[in-house]
Amino acid sequence: MSPPPDTGRAFDPVPAGHPDTHMYVGTLSFDLLLGDVRSLKEKRSVVRPIVAELQRKYAVSAAEVDHMDLHRRAVIGLALVSGDAGHLSDVLDRCERLVAGRPEVELLSVRRRFHGEDD
């Protein structure tokens, strides 16, 4: 099957709304209490490696998103898009275990959101 004539739009072999098209978006936000941290510079040295490891190991978008001016608190947010709800849930679980297992932070709370086709 050859692609349709160039209409200026991207070629999509599966029409929108077709039953085989699925997209799921998952987000996590981690509210963290940092250990023996006395400055924002020390805070960065704790938070940046966590964000980098999440990005590297799980290919998620991650960043520090709140409490930027507090040196003992941080909120890290992450997002992931997948065509498979099971895969998405598995990756979010792994991310949560990674952060919860870090000895230099105390995980105060986790907020998980899952958005599917019907949202």
N, C-alpha and C. Protein backbone atom coordinates (compact mmCIF):
# COMPACT_ATOMS: atom_id res chain seq x y z
N MET A 1 0.85 -1.17 0.00
CA MET A 1 0.00 0.00 0.00
C MET A 1 0.90 1.24 0.00
N SER A 2 0.68 2.12 -0.93
CA SER A 2 1.49 3.33 -1.00
C SER A 2 0.83 4.44 -0.20
N PRO A 3 1.66 5.37 0.32
CA PRO A 3 1.09 6.46 1.11
C PRO A 3 0.21 7.35 0.25
N PRO A 4 -0.72 8.05 0.87
CA PRO A 4 -1.60 8.94 0.11
C PRO A 4 -0.80 10.12 -0.44
N PRO A 5 -1.36 10.82 -1.40
CA PRO A 5 -0.66 11.98 -1.94
C PRO A 5 -0.36 13.00 -0.84
N ASP A 6 0.71 13.77 -1.04
CA ASP A 6 1.15 14.75 -0.03
C ASP A 6 0.11 15.84 0.11
N THR A 7 -0.50 15.91 1.28
CA THR A 7 -1.51 16.94 1.56
C THR A 7 -1.00 17.93 2.60
N GLY A 8 0.28 17.77 2.98
CA GLY A 8 0.83 18.65 4.00
C GLY A 8 0.63 18.11 5.40
N ARG A 9 -0.11 17.01 5.53
CA ARG A 9 -0.34 16.40 6.83
C ARG A 9 0.48 15.12 6.95
N ALA A 10 0.81 14.76 8.17
CA ALA A 10 1.57 13.54 8.40
C ALA A 10 0.71 12.33 8.05
N PHE A 11 1.35 11.31 7.50
CA PHE A 11 0.67 10.07 7.16
C PHE A 11 0.44 9.26 8.41
N ASP A 12 -0.80 8.91 8.67
CA ASP A 12 -1.17 8.09 9.83
C ASP A 12 -1.83 6.84 9.30
N PRO A 13 -1.15 5.68 9.36
CA PRO A 13 -1.71 4.47 8.78
C PRO A 13 -2.94 3.95 9.54
N VAL A 14 -3.14 4.37 10.79
CA VAL A 14 -4.31 3.95 11.56
C VAL A 14 -5.16 5.19 11.83
N PRO A 15 -6.38 5.22 11.32
CA PRO A 15 -7.21 6.42 11.51
C PRO A 15 -7.47 6.69 12.99
N ALA A 16 -7.58 7.96 13.33
CA ALA A 16 -7.88 8.36 14.71
C ALA A 16 -9.20 7.75 15.13
N GLY A 17 -9.25 7.29 16.37
CA GLY A 17 -10.46 6.69 16.87
C GLY A 17 -10.60 5.21 16.53
N HIS A 18 -9.67 4.69 15.76
CA HIS A 18 -9.68 3.27 15.42
C HIS A 18 -9.46 2.46 16.69
N PRO A 19 -10.13 1.31 16.85
CA PRO A 19 -10.02 0.54 18.09
C PRO A 19 -8.61 0.11 18.45
N ASP A 20 -7.68 0.08 17.49
CA ASP A 20 -6.32 -0.35 17.79
C ASP A 20 -5.44 0.78 18.33
N THR A 21 -5.94 2.00 18.39
CA THR A 21 -5.13 3.11 18.88
C THR A 21 -5.43 3.36 20.36
N HIS A 22 -4.38 3.32 21.16
CA HIS A 22 -4.52 3.55 22.59
C HIS A 22 -3.38 4.42 23.06
N MET A 23 -3.67 5.31 23.96
CA MET A 23 -2.63 6.11 24.58
C MET A 23 -2.98 6.29 26.04
N TYR A 24 -2.00 6.00 26.88
CA TYR A 24 -2.17 6.15 28.32
C TYR A 24 -1.06 7.05 28.83
N VAL A 25 -1.43 7.91 29.76
CA VAL A 25 -0.47 8.83 30.37
C VAL A 25 -0.51 8.59 31.88
N GLY A 26 0.66 8.38 32.46
CA GLY A 26 0.75 8.21 33.90
C GLY A 26 1.67 9.26 34.49
N THR A 27 1.30 9.76 35.66
CA THR A 27 2.15 10.72 36.36
C THR A 27 2.31 10.30 37.81
N LEU A 28 3.45 10.64 38.36
CA LEU A 28 3.72 10.46 39.78
C LEU A 28 4.29 11.76 40.31
N SER A 29 3.94 12.09 41.54
CA SER A 29 4.64 13.18 42.23
C SER A 29 5.03 12.66 43.61
N PHE A 30 6.29 12.86 43.92
CA PHE A 30 6.88 12.40 45.17
C PHE A 30 7.14 13.60 46.07
N ASP A 31 6.56 13.61 47.25
CA ASP A 31 6.84 14.65 48.24
C ASP A 31 7.94 14.08 49.15
N LEU A 32 9.09 14.73 49.15
CA LEU A 32 10.27 14.20 49.84
C LEU A 32 10.73 15.11 50.97
N LEU A 33 11.18 14.49 52.03
CA LEU A 33 11.90 15.17 53.10
C LEU A 33 13.35 14.75 52.96
N LEU A 34 14.23 15.71 52.82
CA LEU A 34 15.65 15.41 52.61
C LEU A 34 16.34 15.30 53.96
N GLY A 35 17.35 14.47 54.00
CA GLY A 35 18.08 14.22 55.25
C GLY A 35 18.88 15.42 55.72
N ASP A 36 20.13 15.22 55.98
CA ASP A 36 21.01 16.25 56.55
C ASP A 36 21.44 17.23 55.46
N VAL A 37 20.54 18.11 55.06
CA VAL A 37 20.79 19.08 54.01
C VAL A 37 20.67 20.47 54.61
N ARG A 38 21.69 21.30 54.41
CA ARG A 38 21.72 22.62 55.04
C ARG A 38 21.67 23.79 54.06
N SER A 39 21.65 23.48 52.76
CA SER A 39 21.63 24.57 51.78
C SER A 39 20.93 24.08 50.51
N LEU A 40 20.58 25.04 49.66
CA LEU A 40 19.98 24.69 48.37
C LEU A 40 20.98 23.97 47.48
N LYS A 41 22.26 24.29 47.63
CA LYS A 41 23.30 23.60 46.85
C LYS A 41 23.37 22.13 47.26
N GLU A 42 23.32 21.86 48.54
CA GLU A 42 23.31 20.46 49.01
C GLU A 42 22.03 19.76 48.55
N LYS A 43 20.93 20.48 48.56
CA LYS A 43 19.66 19.90 48.10
C LYS A 43 19.79 19.45 46.64
N ARG A 44 20.36 20.30 45.79
CA ARG A 44 20.55 19.94 44.38
C ARG A 44 21.38 18.68 44.24
N SER A 45 22.38 18.52 45.11
CA SER A 45 23.26 17.35 45.01
C SER A 45 22.53 16.06 45.42
N VAL A 46 21.39 16.18 46.08
CA VAL A 46 20.57 15.01 46.42
C VAL A 46 19.49 14.79 45.36
N VAL A 47 18.82 15.85 44.94
CA VAL A 47 17.67 15.73 44.05
C VAL A 47 18.09 15.42 42.61
N ARG A 48 19.11 16.07 42.10
CA ARG A 48 19.52 15.87 40.71
C ARG A 48 19.85 14.42 40.38
N PRO A 49 20.60 13.71 41.21
CA PRO A 49 20.88 12.31 40.87
C PRO A 49 19.64 11.43 40.84
N ILE A 50 18.65 11.72 41.68
CA ILE A 50 17.41 10.95 41.67
C ILE A 50 16.67 11.19 40.36
N VAL A 51 16.54 12.45 39.97
CA VAL A 51 15.87 12.81 38.72
C VAL A 51 16.60 12.17 37.54
N ALA A 52 17.92 12.26 37.52
CA ALA A 52 18.70 11.70 36.42
C ALA A 52 18.56 10.19 36.33
N GLU A 53 18.54 9.51 37.47
CA GLU A 53 18.39 8.05 37.45
C GLU A 53 17.02 7.63 36.94
N LEU A 54 15.97 8.35 37.36
CA LEU A 54 14.63 8.06 36.84
C LEU A 54 14.58 8.21 35.33
N GLN A 55 15.18 9.29 34.83
CA GLN A 55 15.18 9.54 33.39
C GLN A 55 15.97 8.47 32.65
N ARG A 56 17.14 8.14 33.17
CA ARG A 56 18.03 7.19 32.50
C ARG A 56 17.48 5.76 32.53
N LYS A 57 17.03 5.31 33.69
CA LYS A 57 16.59 3.92 33.83
C LYS A 57 15.23 3.64 33.20
N TYR A 58 14.33 4.62 33.26
CA TYR A 58 12.95 4.34 32.87
C TYR A 58 12.43 5.22 31.73
N ALA A 59 13.26 6.07 31.16
CA ALA A 59 12.88 6.91 30.03
C ALA A 59 11.61 7.72 30.31
N VAL A 60 11.54 8.28 31.51
CA VAL A 60 10.42 9.14 31.88
C VAL A 60 10.86 10.59 31.83
N SER A 61 9.91 11.48 31.76
CA SER A 61 10.18 12.90 31.93
C SER A 61 10.09 13.18 33.42
N ALA A 62 11.13 13.75 34.00
CA ALA A 62 11.14 13.99 35.45
C ALA A 62 11.82 15.31 35.75
N ALA A 63 11.37 15.96 36.83
CA ALA A 63 11.94 17.23 37.25
C ALA A 63 11.53 17.53 38.68
N GLU A 64 12.30 18.38 39.34
CA GLU A 64 11.87 18.93 40.62
C GLU A 64 10.80 19.97 40.29
N VAL A 65 9.63 19.88 40.94
CA VAL A 65 8.51 20.73 40.54
C VAL A 65 7.94 21.61 41.64
N ASP A 66 8.37 21.44 42.90
CA ASP A 66 7.83 22.27 43.97
C ASP A 66 8.81 22.33 45.13
N HIS A 67 8.56 23.26 46.04
CA HIS A 67 9.42 23.52 47.20
C HIS A 67 10.84 23.91 46.78
N MET A 68 10.94 24.66 45.72
CA MET A 68 12.25 25.05 45.18
C MET A 68 13.06 25.90 46.17
N ASP A 69 12.37 26.64 47.03
CA ASP A 69 13.07 27.55 47.93
C ASP A 69 13.32 26.95 49.32
N LEU A 70 12.88 25.70 49.54
CA LEU A 70 13.10 25.03 50.82
C LEU A 70 14.24 24.04 50.67
N HIS A 71 15.17 24.06 51.61
CA HIS A 71 16.33 23.18 51.42
C HIS A 71 16.14 21.76 51.94
N ARG A 72 15.11 21.49 52.74
CA ARG A 72 14.90 20.12 53.23
C ARG A 72 13.68 19.43 52.63
N ARG A 73 13.00 20.10 51.71
CA ARG A 73 11.82 19.51 51.07
C ARG A 73 11.97 19.59 49.56
N ALA A 74 11.40 18.61 48.87
CA ALA A 74 11.39 18.61 47.41
C ALA A 74 10.18 17.84 46.93
N VAL A 75 9.67 18.23 45.79
CA VAL A 75 8.66 17.45 45.09
C VAL A 75 9.23 17.14 43.71
N ILE A 76 9.30 15.86 43.41
CA ILE A 76 9.74 15.42 42.09
C ILE A 76 8.51 14.91 41.35
N GLY A 77 8.32 15.41 40.14
CA GLY A 77 7.21 14.96 39.30
C GLY A 77 7.75 14.22 38.10
N LEU A 78 7.00 13.22 37.66
CA LEU A 78 7.40 12.51 36.45
C LEU A 78 6.17 12.13 35.65
N ALA A 79 6.38 11.94 34.35
CA ALA A 79 5.30 11.56 33.44
C ALA A 79 5.82 10.56 32.43
N LEU A 80 4.90 9.70 31.99
CA LEU A 80 5.23 8.67 31.01
C LEU A 80 4.02 8.46 30.12
N VAL A 81 4.27 8.28 28.83
CA VAL A 81 3.22 7.98 27.87
C VAL A 81 3.49 6.59 27.30
N SER A 82 2.43 5.78 27.18
CA SER A 82 2.60 4.42 26.65
C SER A 82 1.34 4.00 25.92
N GLY A 83 1.49 3.08 25.03
CA GLY A 83 0.35 2.49 24.35
C GLY A 83 -0.19 1.27 25.08
N ASP A 84 0.45 0.89 26.16
CA ASP A 84 0.09 -0.31 26.91
C ASP A 84 -0.10 0.05 28.38
N ALA A 85 -1.32 -0.09 28.88
CA ALA A 85 -1.63 0.29 30.27
C ALA A 85 -0.84 -0.54 31.27
N GLY A 86 -0.64 -1.82 31.00
CA GLY A 86 0.12 -2.68 31.90
C GLY A 86 1.57 -2.25 32.00
N HIS A 87 2.17 -1.93 30.85
CA HIS A 87 3.55 -1.45 30.85
C HIS A 87 3.67 -0.15 31.62
N LEU A 88 2.73 0.74 31.40
CA LEU A 88 2.74 2.03 32.09
C LEU A 88 2.69 1.84 33.60
N SER A 89 1.79 1.01 34.06
CA SER A 89 1.65 0.75 35.49
C SER A 89 2.92 0.13 36.07
N ASP A 90 3.53 -0.80 35.32
CA ASP A 90 4.76 -1.45 35.76
C ASP A 90 5.90 -0.44 35.91
N VAL A 91 6.06 0.45 34.95
CA VAL A 91 7.13 1.45 35.02
C VAL A 91 6.89 2.41 36.18
N LEU A 92 5.65 2.84 36.39
CA LEU A 92 5.36 3.73 37.51
C LEU A 92 5.66 3.05 38.84
N ASP A 93 5.33 1.76 38.95
CA ASP A 93 5.66 1.00 40.17
C ASP A 93 7.17 0.97 40.40
N ARG A 94 7.93 0.73 39.35
CA ARG A 94 9.40 0.68 39.47
C ARG A 94 9.97 2.03 39.89
N CYS A 95 9.43 3.10 39.32
CA CYS A 95 9.88 4.44 39.69
C CYS A 95 9.61 4.71 41.17
N GLU A 96 8.43 4.31 41.62
CA GLU A 96 8.08 4.53 43.02
C GLU A 96 9.01 3.75 43.94
N ARG A 97 9.31 2.50 43.59
CA ARG A 97 10.24 1.71 44.42
C ARG A 97 11.64 2.31 44.44
N LEU A 98 12.09 2.85 43.30
CA LEU A 98 13.41 3.46 43.24
C LEU A 98 13.50 4.63 44.21
N VAL A 99 12.52 5.53 44.17
CA VAL A 99 12.55 6.70 45.04
C VAL A 99 12.39 6.29 46.51
N ALA A 100 11.47 5.37 46.78
CA ALA A 100 11.24 4.93 48.16
C ALA A 100 12.47 4.25 48.75
N GLY A 101 13.30 3.66 47.91
CA GLY A 101 14.48 2.96 48.38
C GLY A 101 15.71 3.83 48.57
N ARG A 102 15.60 5.09 48.26
CA ARG A 102 16.77 5.98 48.41
C ARG A 102 16.94 6.33 49.89
N PRO A 103 18.09 5.99 50.49
CA PRO A 103 18.27 6.23 51.92
C PRO A 103 18.43 7.70 52.31
N GLU A 104 18.79 8.55 51.37
CA GLU A 104 19.03 9.96 51.69
C GLU A 104 17.76 10.80 51.73
N VAL A 105 16.61 10.19 51.38
CA VAL A 105 15.34 10.92 51.41
C VAL A 105 14.29 10.09 52.14
N GLU A 106 13.32 10.80 52.71
CA GLU A 106 12.15 10.14 53.29
C GLU A 106 10.97 10.47 52.40
N LEU A 107 10.31 9.44 51.90
CA LEU A 107 9.17 9.62 51.02
C LEU A 107 7.94 9.90 51.88
N LEU A 108 7.45 11.15 51.85
CA LEU A 108 6.31 11.54 52.66
C LEU A 108 4.99 11.12 52.02
N SER A 109 4.89 11.28 50.70
CA SER A 109 3.67 10.87 50.00
C SER A 109 3.96 10.71 48.52
N VAL A 110 3.09 9.93 47.88
CA VAL A 110 3.16 9.73 46.43
C VAL A 110 1.77 9.96 45.88
N ARG A 111 1.70 10.72 44.82
CA ARG A 111 0.41 10.93 44.15
C ARG A 111 0.53 10.36 42.74
N ARG A 112 -0.36 9.43 42.42
CA ARG A 112 -0.34 8.75 41.12
C ARG A 112 -1.60 9.13 40.36
N ARG A 113 -1.41 9.46 39.10
CA ARG A 113 -2.54 9.73 38.21
C ARG A 113 -2.37 8.90 36.95
N PHE A 114 -3.48 8.41 36.47
CA PHE A 114 -3.49 7.55 35.28
C PHE A 114 -4.58 8.07 34.37
N HIS A 115 -4.22 8.40 33.15
CA HIS A 115 -5.18 8.94 32.18
C HIS A 115 -5.25 7.99 30.99
N GLY A 116 -6.47 7.55 30.67
CA GLY A 116 -6.66 6.64 29.55
C GLY A 116 -7.43 7.31 28.43
N GLU A 117 -7.87 6.50 27.50
CA GLU A 117 -8.58 6.97 26.32
C GLU A 117 -9.88 7.71 26.67
N ASP A 118 -10.53 7.33 27.75
CA ASP A 118 -11.84 7.88 28.07
C ASP A 118 -11.79 9.17 28.88
N ASP A 119 -10.59 9.65 29.23
CA ASP A 119 -10.47 10.87 30.05
C ASP A 119 -10.65 12.11 29.21
